[in-house]
Amino acid sequence: TKEEANGFCANSVVTGNNVIHQTGTVSFNHKLKELGYNSIEVNLSEFMKSGGGIHCLTNILEYL
């Protein structure tokens, strides 16, 4: 939805059964719960002013 796009939902971080995302996207939160994911909402309003989402704050470590 437009609300989800403006809330940077596509920029969420998934780890296991948890999805970490920006607060304020009620429809996205409900969809995650319906799909069996744990929704972890974080207030990133100050960071989002610069145009970044939660995935921009992560450093993905991959074991090869």
C-alpha atoms as a PDB file:
ATOM      1  CA  THR A   1       0.000   0.000   0.000  1.00  0.00           C
ATOM      2  CA  LYS A   2       0.991   3.649  -0.203  1.00  0.00           C
ATOM      3  CA  GLU A   3       1.220   3.715   3.615  1.00  0.00           C
ATOM      4  CA  GLU A   4       3.619   0.767   3.555  1.00  0.00           C
ATOM      5  CA  ALA A   5       5.741   2.318   0.820  1.00  0.00           C
ATOM      6  CA  ASN A   6       5.994   5.608   2.707  1.00  0.00           C
ATOM      7  CA  GLY A   7       6.840   3.645   5.871  1.00  0.00           C
ATOM      8  CA  PHE A   8       9.839   1.985   4.174  1.00  0.00           C
ATOM      9  CA  CYS A   9       8.366  -1.508   4.696  1.00  0.00           C
ATOM     10  CA  ALA A  10      10.397  -2.856   1.779  1.00  0.00           C
ATOM     11  CA  ASN A  11      13.463  -1.728   3.719  1.00  0.00           C
ATOM     12  CA  SER A  12      12.688  -4.007   6.687  1.00  0.00           C
ATOM     13  CA  VAL A  13      15.129  -6.523   8.143  1.00  0.00           C
ATOM     14  CA  VAL A  14      14.159 -10.189   8.401  1.00  0.00           C
ATOM     15  CA  THR A  15      16.003 -12.458  10.794  1.00  0.00           C
ATOM     16  CA  GLY A  16      14.556 -15.889  11.377  1.00  0.00           C
ATOM     17  CA  ASN A  17      10.853 -15.447  12.116  1.00  0.00           C
ATOM     18  CA  ASN A  18      11.250 -11.784  13.103  1.00  0.00           C
ATOM     19  CA  VAL A  19      10.684  -8.756  10.903  1.00  0.00           C
ATOM     20  CA  ILE A  20      12.132  -5.488  12.198  1.00  0.00           C
ATOM     21  CA  HIS A  21      10.465  -2.445  10.660  1.00  0.00           C
ATOM     22  CA  GLN A  22       9.550   1.207  11.168  1.00  0.00           C
ATOM     23  CA  THR A  23       6.600   2.003  13.431  1.00  0.00           C
ATOM     24  CA  GLY A  24       3.363   3.409  12.066  1.00  0.00           C
ATOM     25  CA  THR A  25       2.463   0.895   9.368  1.00  0.00           C
ATOM     26  CA  VAL A  26      -0.590  -0.798  10.836  1.00  0.00           C
ATOM     27  CA  SER A  27      -1.541  -2.740   7.691  1.00  0.00           C
ATOM     28  CA  PHE A  28       1.986  -4.165   7.326  1.00  0.00           C
ATOM     29  CA  ASN A  29       2.033  -5.163  10.993  1.00  0.00           C
ATOM     30  CA  HIS A  30      -1.265  -7.063  10.560  1.00  0.00           C
ATOM     31  CA  LYS A  31      -0.055  -8.788   7.387  1.00  0.00           C
ATOM     32  CA  LEU A  32       3.099  -9.994   9.127  1.00  0.00           C
ATOM     33  CA  LYS A  33       1.137 -11.420  12.046  1.00  0.00           C
ATOM     34  CA  GLU A  34      -1.287 -13.177   9.651  1.00  0.00           C
ATOM     35  CA  LEU A  35       1.711 -14.802   7.937  1.00  0.00           C
ATOM     36  CA  GLY A  36       3.108 -15.985  11.282  1.00  0.00           C
ATOM     37  CA  TYR A  37       5.969 -13.502  11.635  1.00  0.00           C
ATOM     38  CA  ASN A  38       6.912 -11.627  14.792  1.00  0.00           C
ATOM     39  CA  SER A  39       6.632  -7.914  14.120  1.00  0.00           C
ATOM     40  CA  ILE A  40       9.235  -5.751  15.857  1.00  0.00           C
ATOM     41  CA  GLU A  41       8.492  -2.065  15.406  1.00  0.00           C
ATOM     42  CA  VAL A  42      11.218   0.539  15.884  1.00  0.00           C
ATOM     43  CA  ASN A  43      10.816   4.316  15.811  1.00  0.00           C
ATOM     44  CA  LEU A  44      13.245   5.595  13.190  1.00  0.00           C
ATOM     45  CA  SER A  45      11.491   8.875  12.438  1.00  0.00           C
ATOM     46  CA  GLU A  46      14.647  10.973  12.843  1.00  0.00           C
ATOM     47  CA  PHE A  47      16.720   8.692  10.629  1.00  0.00           C
ATOM     48  CA  MET A  48      13.985   8.535   7.978  1.00  0.00           C
ATOM     49  CA  LYS A  49      14.244  12.304   7.536  1.00  0.00           C
ATOM     50  CA  SER A  50      17.521  11.618   5.723  1.00  0.00           C
ATOM     51  CA  GLY A  51      15.775   9.161   3.410  1.00  0.00           C
ATOM     52  CA  GLY A  52      16.998   5.906   4.939  1.00  0.00           C
ATOM     53  CA  GLY A  53      15.194   2.923   6.380  1.00  0.00           C
ATOM     54  CA  ILE A  54      16.079   0.273   8.929  1.00  0.00           C
ATOM     55  CA  HIS A  55      18.014  -1.927   6.486  1.00  0.00           C
ATOM     56  CA  CYS A  56      20.384   1.006   5.916  1.00  0.00           C
ATOM     57  CA  LEU A  57      21.394   0.733   9.583  1.00  0.00           C
ATOM     58  CA  THR A  58      22.453  -2.909   9.387  1.00  0.00           C
ATOM     59  CA  ASN A  59      25.681  -4.694   8.596  1.00  0.00           C
ATOM     60  CA  ILE A  60      24.858  -8.122   7.216  1.00  0.00           C
ATOM     61  CA  LEU A  61      27.376 -10.791   8.226  1.00  0.00           C
ATOM     62  CA  GLU A  62      27.319 -13.910   6.127  1.00  0.00           C
ATOM     63  CA  TYR A  63      29.044 -17.150   7.023  1.00  0.00           C
ATOM     64  CA  LEU A  64      30.391 -18.937   3.969  1.00  0.00           C
END
